[in-house]
């Protein structure tokens, strides 16, 4: 049985138990629906149990993108990828009220 390997993504040095292959497979599952609306999802990184994504293309400026991220993408990722508890958008990274997620 394959056990998840602790990994570091991006410039952080925090290890995570999230299986990156499962995460990427889940994003590949979601991606066609987002692309059908003219957008896409970029994985910015993982820190602890938080996945950092960026909505690009038509989704980048869409007022409903945060609802899509939280009600759709976060729900699917927390169901399909053990260890994921939060999903935040790249635009949330600078929000001091959300600093506890980083």
Foldseek 3Di string as FASTA:
>chain_A
DDAQDFDFDDPDPATERWRVVQVVVLLVVVAVVLVVVQWGKDFRTDHQQETEIEIDGPLNPDPCNVVCVPVPVLVSCVVRIPSHDYYYYPVCCPPPVCVVVD
